[in-house]
Amino acid sequence: MRWPDDAKKWPLVEHSRQVLHRPHRWHIQEAGDGPLLLLIHGAGGATQSFRSLFPILAQTNRVVAVDLPGQGFTQLGAQQRCGLDHMSEDLLSLCRSQGWVPDLVIGHSAGVAIALRMCEMGMRPKRGIVGSNAALGNFKGVAGWLFPMMAKALAVTPFSASLFTHITTRASVRNLVEGTGSHLGQEDLDLYYRLAIDKAHVDATLSMMAQWSLDGLLARLGQIDCPVHLIIGMADKAVPPHVSVDAARKLADAKQTELPNLGHLAHEEDPATIARLIQES
């Protein structure tokens, strides 16, 4: 998405700024005073995912939310740096350049994997990591090789992102969101529609999918000693709840909270409850 042209009516744009820290030009939202909380969204999302959670947390904390490389308003500087290790390295480097020392890192979906990898790379949040519907499992069976191959094919196929954006409709976005087990209002759906019709955002998301691999991180979960609180929406249809349950068993210092009737976007469906659980972590 183009900054600042497309930023009109973007949630919390009054807290937005851009920072060039190579290889990317990052979009950052920052507000509040107190302990520093870092928010990391999942694949295909952006800072809008935290539009209701962010102001609640900012009442008593300094809150920083960042768009991942190529997604939202962060301009991708190197397309080959969309995998887990590179994204984690680049975000950690940004944090150090800005002097951010988070008390707590909050990740959603794939953002949880990034938070854990950053911990392995040397980030030591005082209170640990909170993960909402953590995407910490690989696809099984046929999907295990078919989906990554499809993503890789799309990522290198000319015009694939353009094709996706042209066939996307508001109805298809609603179906996609409801397919995660979450139910959002029209304003939230409209924001996802804006992302889904943006070629640069879709292209970066496809690149992230194509380069994503959790094998190494999953093999080392038991060695991560950072405290981790996994929040699980039990109606999640995108990442089965057992994925977080299994991860909690493997992590050295983890606890879990199960929330009935909430889907993959639990932090958007019930931000007050998620904020309370974050504050208690």
C-alpha atoms as a PDB file:
ATOM      1  CA  MET A   1       0.000   0.000   0.000  1.00  0.00           C
ATOM      2  CA  ARG A   2       1.224   3.493  -0.816  1.00  0.00           C
ATOM      3  CA  TRP A   3       2.259   5.845   1.938  1.00  0.00           C
ATOM      4  CA  PRO A   4       0.794   8.377   2.546  1.00  0.00           C
ATOM      5  CA  ASP A   5      -1.777   8.261  -0.280  1.00  0.00           C
ATOM      6  CA  ASP A   6      -3.541   5.086   0.916  1.00  0.00           C
ATOM      7  CA  ALA A   7      -3.273   5.981   4.600  1.00  0.00           C
ATOM      8  CA  LYS A   8      -6.432   8.059   4.605  1.00  0.00           C
ATOM      9  CA  LYS A   9      -8.987   6.575   7.004  1.00  0.00           C
ATOM     10  CA  TRP A  10      -6.460   3.900   8.088  1.00  0.00           C
ATOM     11  CA  PRO A  11      -6.987   2.999  11.756  1.00  0.00           C
ATOM     12  CA  LEU A  12      -4.814   4.931  14.220  1.00  0.00           C
ATOM     13  CA  VAL A  13      -2.988   6.744  11.408  1.00  0.00           C
ATOM     14  CA  GLU A  14      -2.403   9.613  13.836  1.00  0.00           C
ATOM     15  CA  HIS A  15       0.094   7.312  15.581  1.00  0.00           C
ATOM     16  CA  SER A  16       1.814   6.239  12.345  1.00  0.00           C
ATOM     17  CA  ARG A  17       5.265   7.014  11.043  1.00  0.00           C
ATOM     18  CA  GLN A  18       7.705   5.483   8.593  1.00  0.00           C
ATOM     19  CA  VAL A  19      11.290   4.547   9.375  1.00  0.00           C
ATOM     20  CA  LEU A  20      13.901   3.578   6.816  1.00  0.00           C
ATOM     21  CA  HIS A  21      15.958   0.798   8.349  1.00  0.00           C
ATOM     22  CA  ARG A  22      17.462  -1.284   5.606  1.00  0.00           C
ATOM     23  CA  PRO A  23      16.489  -3.234   3.764  1.00  0.00           C
ATOM     24  CA  HIS A  24      12.888  -2.078   4.367  1.00  0.00           C
ATOM     25  CA  ARG A  25      10.969   1.149   4.920  1.00  0.00           C
ATOM     26  CA  TRP A  26       8.886   0.256   7.967  1.00  0.00           C
ATOM     27  CA  HIS A  27       5.435   1.430   8.943  1.00  0.00           C
ATOM     28  CA  ILE A  28       5.214   1.839  12.714  1.00  0.00           C
ATOM     29  CA  GLN A  29       2.385   2.854  15.030  1.00  0.00           C
ATOM     30  CA  GLU A  30       3.351   3.970  18.532  1.00  0.00           C
ATOM     31  CA  ALA A  31       1.384   5.451  21.431  1.00  0.00           C
ATOM     32  CA  GLY A  32       1.135   5.499  25.229  1.00  0.00           C
ATOM     33  CA  ASP A  33       3.504   5.530  28.163  1.00  0.00           C
ATOM     34  CA  GLY A  34       4.680   2.763  30.452  1.00  0.00           C
ATOM     35  CA  PRO A  35       6.074  -0.715  29.860  1.00  0.00           C
ATOM     36  CA  LEU A  36       6.828  -1.353  26.187  1.00  0.00           C
ATOM     37  CA  LEU A  37       4.592  -3.828  24.354  1.00  0.00           C
ATOM     38  CA  LEU A  38       5.489  -4.917  20.815  1.00  0.00           C
ATOM     39  CA  LEU A  39       2.647  -6.178  18.578  1.00  0.00           C
ATOM     40  CA  ILE A  40       3.385  -8.480  15.608  1.00  0.00           C
ATOM     41  CA  HIS A  41       0.561  -9.336  13.208  1.00  0.00           C
ATOM     42  CA  GLY A  42       0.126 -12.529  11.204  1.00  0.00           C
ATOM     43  CA  ALA A  43       0.560 -13.292   7.506  1.00  0.00           C
ATOM     44  CA  GLY A  44      -1.653 -11.186   5.276  1.00  0.00           C
ATOM     45  CA  GLY A  45      -2.600  -8.772   8.036  1.00  0.00           C
ATOM     46  CA  ALA A  46      -1.271  -5.383   9.091  1.00  0.00           C
ATOM     47  CA  THR A  47      -1.498  -2.944  11.999  1.00  0.00           C
ATOM     48  CA  GLN A  48      -5.270  -2.686  11.388  1.00  0.00           C
ATOM     49  CA  SER A  49      -5.542  -6.108  12.999  1.00  0.00           C
ATOM     50  CA  PHE A  50      -4.820  -4.409  16.336  1.00  0.00           C
ATOM     51  CA  ARG A  51      -7.023  -1.357  15.800  1.00  0.00           C
ATOM     52  CA  SER A  52      -9.281  -2.158  18.793  1.00  0.00           C
ATOM     53  CA  LEU A  53      -6.674  -3.847  21.000  1.00  0.00           C
ATOM     54  CA  PHE A  54      -3.997  -1.156  20.563  1.00  0.00           C
ATOM     55  CA  PRO A  55      -5.855   1.755  22.259  1.00  0.00           C
ATOM     56  CA  ILE A  56      -6.860  -0.407  25.223  1.00  0.00           C
ATOM     57  CA  LEU A  57      -3.262  -1.436  25.846  1.00  0.00           C
ATOM     58  CA  ALA A  58      -1.999   2.121  25.254  1.00  0.00           C
ATOM     59  CA  GLN A  59      -3.973   3.363  28.256  1.00  0.00           C
ATOM     60  CA  THR A  60      -1.326   1.925  30.585  1.00  0.00           C
ATOM     61  CA  ASN A  61       1.554   0.928  28.283  1.00  0.00           C
ATOM     62  CA  ARG A  62       3.787   2.214  25.521  1.00  0.00           C
ATOM     63  CA  VAL A  63       2.560   0.208  22.546  1.00  0.00           C
ATOM     64  CA  VAL A  64       4.375  -0.339  19.255  1.00  0.00           C
ATOM     65  CA  ALA A  65       2.820  -2.125  16.267  1.00  0.00           C
ATOM     66  CA  VAL A  66       4.764  -2.792  13.061  1.00  0.00           C
ATOM     67  CA  ASP A  67       3.713  -3.880   9.579  1.00  0.00           C
ATOM     68  CA  LEU A  68       5.791  -6.863   8.447  1.00  0.00           C
ATOM     69  CA  PRO A  69       7.979  -6.417   5.333  1.00  0.00           C
ATOM     70  CA  GLY A  70       5.890  -5.729   2.241  1.00  0.00           C
ATOM     71  CA  GLN A  71       2.613  -5.965   4.125  1.00  0.00           C
ATOM     72  CA  GLY A  72       0.397  -3.038   5.011  1.00  0.00           C
ATOM     73  CA  PHE A  73       2.450   0.138   4.596  1.00  0.00           C
ATOM     74  CA  THR A  74       5.927  -1.355   5.110  1.00  0.00           C
ATOM     75  CA  GLN A  75       7.792  -1.181   1.814  1.00  0.00           C
ATOM     76  CA  LEU A  76       9.648  -4.392   1.022  1.00  0.00           C
ATOM     77  CA  GLY A  77      13.325  -3.770   0.328  1.00  0.00           C
ATOM     78  CA  ALA A  78      14.404  -7.331  -0.491  1.00  0.00           C
ATOM     79  CA  GLN A  79      11.902  -9.933  -1.675  1.00  0.00           C
ATOM     80  CA  GLN A  80      14.124 -12.836  -0.639  1.00  0.00           C
ATOM     81  CA  ARG A  81      13.888 -11.734   3.019  1.00  0.00           C
ATOM     82  CA  CYS A  82      10.272 -12.816   3.662  1.00  0.00           C
ATOM     83  CA  GLY A  83      10.984 -16.092   5.473  1.00  0.00           C
ATOM     84  CA  LEU A  84      10.944 -16.659   9.225  1.00  0.00           C
ATOM     85  CA  ASP A  85      14.663 -16.167   9.868  1.00  0.00           C
ATOM     86  CA  HIS A  86      15.075 -13.074   7.696  1.00  0.00           C
ATOM     87  CA  MET A  87      11.908 -11.391   8.942  1.00  0.00           C
ATOM     88  CA  SER A  88      12.927 -12.064  12.534  1.00  0.00           C
ATOM     89  CA  GLU A  89      16.439 -10.741  11.927  1.00  0.00           C
ATOM     90  CA  ASP A  90      15.154  -7.592  10.242  1.00  0.00           C
ATOM     91  CA  LEU A  91      12.532  -6.852  12.884  1.00  0.00           C
ATOM     92  CA  LEU A  92      15.022  -7.438  15.697  1.00  0.00           C
ATOM     93  CA  SER A  93      17.468  -5.098  13.958  1.00  0.00           C
ATOM     94  CA  LEU A  94      14.726  -2.460  13.707  1.00  0.00           C
ATOM     95  CA  CYS A  95      13.977  -2.819  17.424  1.00  0.00           C
ATOM     96  CA  ARG A  96      17.622  -2.322  18.326  1.00  0.00           C
ATOM     97  CA  SER A  97      17.939   0.699  16.024  1.00  0.00           C
ATOM     98  CA  GLN A  98      14.921   2.310  17.704  1.00  0.00           C
ATOM     99  CA  GLY A  99      16.067   1.419  21.223  1.00  0.00           C
ATOM    100  CA  TRP A 100      13.002  -0.727  21.846  1.00  0.00           C
ATOM    101  CA  VAL A 101      13.429  -3.183  24.719  1.00  0.00           C
ATOM    102  CA  PRO A 102       9.991  -4.781  25.034  1.00  0.00           C
ATOM    103  CA  ASP A 103       8.609  -5.884  28.362  1.00  0.00           C
ATOM    104  CA  LEU A 104       6.234  -8.121  26.450  1.00  0.00           C
ATOM    105  CA  VAL A 105       5.970  -9.237  22.817  1.00  0.00           C
ATOM    106  CA  ILE A 106       2.465 -10.046  21.566  1.00  0.00           C
ATOM    107  CA  GLY A 107       2.153 -12.036  18.362  1.00  0.00           C
ATOM    108  CA  HIS A 108      -0.815 -13.264  16.384  1.00  0.00           C
ATOM    109  CA  SER A 109      -0.684 -16.434  14.275  1.00  0.00           C
ATOM    110  CA  ALA A 110       2.617 -16.401  12.321  1.00  0.00           C
ATOM    111  CA  GLY A 111       3.631 -13.403  14.427  1.00  0.00           C
ATOM    112  CA  VAL A 112       4.068 -15.799  17.354  1.00  0.00           C
ATOM    113  CA  ALA A 113       6.714 -17.753  15.437  1.00  0.00           C
ATOM    114  CA  ILE A 114       8.522 -14.489  14.687  1.00  0.00           C
ATOM    115  CA  ALA A 115       8.407 -13.517  18.373  1.00  0.00           C
ATOM    116  CA  LEU A 116       9.854 -16.893  19.416  1.00  0.00           C
ATOM    117  CA  ARG A 117      12.578 -16.725  16.763  1.00  0.00           C
ATOM    118  CA  MET A 118      13.517 -13.194  17.892  1.00  0.00           C
ATOM    119  CA  CYS A 119      13.824 -14.568  21.421  1.00  0.00           C
ATOM    120  CA  GLU A 120      16.246 -17.190  20.119  1.00  0.00           C
ATOM    121  CA  MET A 121      18.207 -14.418  18.400  1.00  0.00           C
ATOM    122  CA  GLY A 122      18.714 -12.472  21.592  1.00  0.00           C
ATOM    123  CA  MET A 123      15.575 -10.476  22.368  1.00  0.00           C
ATOM    124  CA  ARG A 124      14.717 -11.028  26.017  1.00  0.00           C
ATOM    125  CA  PRO A 125      11.314  -9.483  26.828  1.00  0.00           C
ATOM    126  CA  LYS A 126      11.087  -9.100  30.609  1.00  0.00           C
ATOM    127  CA  ARG A 127       7.599 -10.606  30.835  1.00  0.00           C
ATOM    128  CA  GLY A 128       7.924 -12.945  27.888  1.00  0.00           C
ATOM    129  CA  ILE A 129       5.683 -13.586  24.888  1.00  0.00           C
ATOM    130  CA  VAL A 130       1.922 -13.718  24.479  1.00  0.00           C
ATOM    131  CA  GLY A 131       0.710 -15.648  21.456  1.00  0.00           C
ATOM    132  CA  SER A 132      -2.829 -15.481  20.128  1.00  0.00           C
ATOM    133  CA  ASN A 133      -3.816 -18.515  18.039  1.00  0.00           C
ATOM    134  CA  ALA A 134      -0.182 -19.339  17.354  1.00  0.00           C
ATOM    135  CA  ALA A 135       0.629 -20.793  13.941  1.00  0.00           C
ATOM    136  CA  LEU A 136       3.240 -23.229  15.248  1.00  0.00           C
ATOM    137  CA  GLY A 137       2.576 -26.310  13.189  1.00  0.00           C
ATOM    138  CA  ASN A 138       3.290 -27.492   9.663  1.00  0.00           C
ATOM    139  CA  PHE A 139       0.611 -28.807   7.338  1.00  0.00           C
ATOM    140  CA  LYS A 140       0.218 -32.578   7.421  1.00  0.00           C
ATOM    141  CA  GLY A 141      -0.171 -35.058   4.604  1.00  0.00           C
ATOM    142  CA  VAL A 142      -0.816 -33.844   1.070  1.00  0.00           C
ATOM    143  CA  ALA A 143      -1.169 -30.236   2.214  1.00  0.00           C
ATOM    144  CA  GLY A 144       2.340 -30.448   3.621  1.00  0.00           C
ATOM    145  CA  TRP A 145       3.848 -30.379   0.150  1.00  0.00           C
ATOM    146  CA  LEU A 146       0.969 -29.065  -1.989  1.00  0.00           C
ATOM    147  CA  PHE A 147       0.350 -25.723  -0.247  1.00  0.00           C
ATOM    148  CA  PRO A 148       4.023 -24.637  -0.077  1.00  0.00           C
ATOM    149  CA  MET A 149       4.496 -25.630  -3.725  1.00  0.00           C
ATOM    150  CA  MET A 150       1.435 -23.612  -4.747  1.00  0.00           C
ATOM    151  CA  ALA A 151       2.702 -20.577  -2.813  1.00  0.00           C
ATOM    152  CA  LYS A 152       6.134 -20.848  -4.413  1.00  0.00           C
ATOM    153  CA  ALA A 153       4.607 -21.166  -7.860  1.00  0.00           C
ATOM    154  CA  LEU A 154       2.379 -18.138  -7.310  1.00  0.00           C
ATOM    155  CA  ALA A 155       5.249 -16.085  -5.882  1.00  0.00           C
ATOM    156  CA  VAL A 156       7.346 -16.500  -9.036  1.00  0.00           C
ATOM    157  CA  THR A 157       4.486 -16.366 -11.549  1.00  0.00           C
ATOM    158  CA  PRO A 158       4.122 -12.976 -13.241  1.00  0.00           C
ATOM    159  CA  PHE A 159       0.812 -11.244 -12.576  1.00  0.00           C
ATOM    160  CA  SER A 160      -0.339 -13.799  -9.953  1.00  0.00           C
ATOM    161  CA  ALA A 161      -0.790 -11.080  -7.319  1.00  0.00           C
ATOM    162  CA  SER A 162      -2.533  -8.888  -9.892  1.00  0.00           C
ATOM    163  CA  LEU A 163      -4.884 -11.740 -10.767  1.00  0.00           C
ATOM    164  CA  PHE A 164      -5.701 -12.336  -7.089  1.00  0.00           C
ATOM    165  CA  THR A 165      -6.457  -8.670  -6.474  1.00  0.00           C
ATOM    166  CA  HIS A 166      -8.674  -8.448  -9.562  1.00  0.00           C
ATOM    167  CA  ILE A 167     -10.848 -11.436  -8.665  1.00  0.00           C
ATOM    168  CA  THR A 168     -11.189 -10.483  -4.988  1.00  0.00           C
ATOM    169  CA  THR A 169     -14.602  -9.204  -3.932  1.00  0.00           C
ATOM    170  CA  ARG A 170     -16.047  -8.019  -0.641  1.00  0.00           C
ATOM    171  CA  ALA A 171     -18.032 -11.238  -0.508  1.00  0.00           C
ATOM    172  CA  SER A 172     -14.932 -13.392  -0.985  1.00  0.00           C
ATOM    173  CA  VAL A 173     -13.145 -11.505   1.805  1.00  0.00           C
ATOM    174  CA  ARG A 174     -16.107 -12.077   4.127  1.00  0.00           C
ATOM    175  CA  ASN A 175     -16.057 -15.782   3.281  1.00  0.00           C
ATOM    176  CA  LEU A 176     -12.299 -15.932   3.875  1.00  0.00           C
ATOM    177  CA  VAL A 177     -12.589 -14.293   7.304  1.00  0.00           C
ATOM    178  CA  GLU A 178     -15.576 -16.401   8.341  1.00  0.00           C
ATOM    179  CA  GLY A 179     -13.617 -19.444   7.227  1.00  0.00           C
ATOM    180  CA  THR A 180     -11.202 -18.742  10.091  1.00  0.00           C
ATOM    181  CA  GLY A 181     -14.009 -19.196  12.614  1.00  0.00           C
ATOM    182  CA  SER A 182     -14.180 -15.466  13.399  1.00  0.00           C
ATOM    183  CA  HIS A 183     -17.035 -13.034  12.860  1.00  0.00           C
ATOM    184  CA  LEU A 184     -16.087  -9.407  12.285  1.00  0.00           C
ATOM    185  CA  GLY A 185     -18.047  -6.235  11.650  1.00  0.00           C
ATOM    186  CA  GLN A 186     -18.280  -4.555   8.263  1.00  0.00           C
ATOM    187  CA  GLU A 187     -15.638  -1.935   9.077  1.00  0.00           C
ATOM    188  CA  ASP A 188     -13.093  -4.650   9.905  1.00  0.00           C
ATOM    189  CA  LEU A 189     -14.008  -6.569   6.749  1.00  0.00           C
ATOM    190  CA  ASP A 190     -13.583  -3.418   4.661  1.00  0.00           C
ATOM    191  CA  LEU A 191     -10.019  -3.043   5.969  1.00  0.00           C
ATOM    192  CA  TYR A 192      -9.169  -6.615   5.006  1.00  0.00           C
ATOM    193  CA  TYR A 193     -10.689  -5.925   1.587  1.00  0.00           C
ATOM    194  CA  ARG A 194      -8.364  -2.930   1.158  1.00  0.00           C
ATOM    195  CA  LEU A 195      -5.401  -5.196   1.894  1.00  0.00           C
ATOM    196  CA  ALA A 196      -6.651  -7.989  -0.359  1.00  0.00           C
ATOM    197  CA  ILE A 197      -6.908  -5.744  -3.425  1.00  0.00           C
ATOM    198  CA  ASP A 198      -3.455  -4.231  -2.940  1.00  0.00           C
ATOM    199  CA  LYS A 199      -0.944  -5.916  -5.266  1.00  0.00           C
ATOM    200  CA  ALA A 200       2.174  -5.134  -3.210  1.00  0.00           C
ATOM    201  CA  HIS A 201       0.581  -6.490  -0.029  1.00  0.00           C
ATOM    202  CA  VAL A 202      -0.616  -9.688  -1.727  1.00  0.00           C
ATOM    203  CA  ASP A 203       2.729 -10.188  -3.455  1.00  0.00           C
ATOM    204  CA  ALA A 204       4.609  -9.901  -0.139  1.00  0.00           C
ATOM    205  CA  THR A 205       2.172 -12.277   1.555  1.00  0.00           C
ATOM    206  CA  LEU A 206       2.698 -14.852  -1.201  1.00  0.00           C
ATOM    207  CA  SER A 207       6.464 -14.452  -0.823  1.00  0.00           C
ATOM    208  CA  MET A 208       6.162 -14.986   2.926  1.00  0.00           C
ATOM    209  CA  MET A 209       4.142 -18.177   2.372  1.00  0.00           C
ATOM    210  CA  ALA A 210       6.631 -19.436  -0.191  1.00  0.00           C
ATOM    211  CA  GLN A 211       9.660 -18.853   2.044  1.00  0.00           C
ATOM    212  CA  TRP A 212       8.083 -19.925   5.344  1.00  0.00           C
ATOM    213  CA  SER A 213       9.499 -22.924   7.185  1.00  0.00           C
ATOM    214  CA  LEU A 214       8.999 -23.804  10.833  1.00  0.00           C
ATOM    215  CA  ASP A 215      10.969 -27.057  10.924  1.00  0.00           C
ATOM    216  CA  GLY A 216      13.983 -25.651  12.766  1.00  0.00           C
ATOM    217  CA  LEU A 217      11.967 -23.597  15.248  1.00  0.00           C
ATOM    218  CA  LEU A 218       9.617 -26.470  16.060  1.00  0.00           C
ATOM    219  CA  ALA A 219      12.575 -28.777  16.692  1.00  0.00           C
ATOM    220  CA  ARG A 220      13.975 -26.272  19.208  1.00  0.00           C
ATOM    221  CA  LEU A 221      10.784 -25.316  21.085  1.00  0.00           C
ATOM    222  CA  GLY A 222      11.912 -27.163  24.196  1.00  0.00           C
ATOM    223  CA  GLN A 223      15.087 -25.061  24.328  1.00  0.00           C
ATOM    224  CA  ILE A 224      13.257 -21.715  24.422  1.00  0.00           C
ATOM    225  CA  ASP A 225      13.191 -20.638  28.065  1.00  0.00           C
ATOM    226  CA  CYS A 226      11.304 -17.369  27.574  1.00  0.00           C
ATOM    227  CA  PRO A 227       7.911 -17.374  29.373  1.00  0.00           C
ATOM    228  CA  VAL A 228       5.128 -17.908  26.839  1.00  0.00           C
ATOM    229  CA  HIS A 229       1.387 -17.471  27.323  1.00  0.00           C
ATOM    230  CA  LEU A 230      -0.630 -19.036  24.492  1.00  0.00           C
ATOM    231  CA  ILE A 231      -4.203 -17.777  24.084  1.00  0.00           C
ATOM    232  CA  ILE A 232      -6.347 -20.202  22.113  1.00  0.00           C
ATOM    233  CA  GLY A 233      -9.623 -19.408  20.366  1.00  0.00           C
ATOM    234  CA  MET A 234     -11.302 -22.787  20.495  1.00  0.00           C
ATOM    235  CA  ALA A 235     -13.415 -22.005  17.401  1.00  0.00           C
ATOM    236  CA  ASP A 236     -10.292 -21.352  15.290  1.00  0.00           C
ATOM    237  CA  LYS A 237     -10.734 -22.988  11.886  1.00  0.00           C
ATOM    238  CA  ALA A 238      -7.485 -21.630  10.410  1.00  0.00           C
ATOM    239  CA  VAL A 239      -5.041 -23.051  12.958  1.00  0.00           C
ATOM    240  CA  PRO A 240      -6.520 -25.984  14.905  1.00  0.00           C
ATOM    241  CA  PRO A 241      -6.503 -25.343  18.683  1.00  0.00           C
ATOM    242  CA  HIS A 242      -4.438 -28.479  19.298  1.00  0.00           C
ATOM    243  CA  VAL A 243      -1.482 -26.754  17.597  1.00  0.00           C
ATOM    244  CA  SER A 244      -1.162 -24.326  20.517  1.00  0.00           C
ATOM    245  CA  VAL A 245      -1.874 -27.064  23.049  1.00  0.00           C
ATOM    246  CA  ASP A 246       0.912 -29.205  21.586  1.00  0.00           C
ATOM    247  CA  ALA A 247       3.313 -26.248  21.483  1.00  0.00           C
ATOM    248  CA  ALA A 248       2.602 -25.390  25.126  1.00  0.00           C
ATOM    249  CA  ARG A 249       3.589 -28.934  26.114  1.00  0.00           C
ATOM    250  CA  LYS A 250       6.908 -28.642  24.276  1.00  0.00           C
ATOM    251  CA  LEU A 251       7.904 -25.162  25.445  1.00  0.00           C
ATOM    252  CA  ALA A 252      10.011 -24.997  28.605  1.00  0.00           C
ATOM    253  CA  ASP A 253       7.957 -22.280  30.325  1.00  0.00           C
ATOM    254  CA  ALA A 254       4.451 -22.014  28.903  1.00  0.00           C
ATOM    255  CA  LYS A 255       0.861 -21.660  29.996  1.00  0.00           C
ATOM    256  CA  GLN A 256      -2.321 -21.636  27.961  1.00  0.00           C
ATOM    257  CA  THR A 257      -5.747 -20.005  28.151  1.00  0.00           C
ATOM    258  CA  GLU A 258      -8.637 -21.432  26.154  1.00  0.00           C
ATOM    259  CA  LEU A 259     -11.416 -19.122  24.988  1.00  0.00           C
ATOM    260  CA  PRO A 260     -14.620 -20.804  23.769  1.00  0.00           C
ATOM    261  CA  ASN A 261     -16.550 -19.383  20.810  1.00  0.00           C
ATOM    262  CA  LEU A 262     -13.662 -17.233  19.498  1.00  0.00           C
ATOM    263  CA  GLY A 263     -11.944 -17.935  16.185  1.00  0.00           C
ATOM    264  CA  HIS A 264      -8.560 -17.224  14.644  1.00  0.00           C
ATOM    265  CA  LEU A 265      -9.039 -13.458  14.929  1.00  0.00           C
ATOM    266  CA  ALA A 266      -9.951 -13.593  18.620  1.00  0.00           C
ATOM    267  CA  HIS A 267      -8.063 -10.358  19.339  1.00  0.00           C
ATOM    268  CA  GLU A 268     -10.361  -8.566  16.899  1.00  0.00           C
ATOM    269  CA  GLU A 269     -13.560 -10.288  18.049  1.00  0.00           C
ATOM    270  CA  ASP A 270     -13.015  -9.655  21.782  1.00  0.00           C
ATOM    271  CA  PRO A 271     -10.163  -7.172  22.289  1.00  0.00           C
ATOM    272  CA  ALA A 272     -11.164  -6.421  25.887  1.00  0.00           C
ATOM    273  CA  THR A 273     -10.680 -10.038  26.977  1.00  0.00           C
ATOM    274  CA  ILE A 274      -7.400 -10.373  25.075  1.00  0.00           C
ATOM    275  CA  ALA A 275      -6.164  -7.088  26.600  1.00  0.00           C
ATOM    276  CA  ARG A 276      -6.988  -8.347  30.088  1.00  0.00           C
ATOM    277  CA  LEU A 277      -5.080 -11.586  29.493  1.00  0.00           C
ATOM    278  CA  ILE A 278      -2.112  -9.625  28.138  1.00  0.00           C
ATOM    279  CA  GLN A 279      -2.073  -7.340  31.180  1.00  0.00           C
ATOM    280  CA  GLU A 280      -2.144 -10.396  33.453  1.00  0.00           C
ATOM    281  CA  SER A 281       0.802 -12.046  31.650  1.00  0.00           C
END
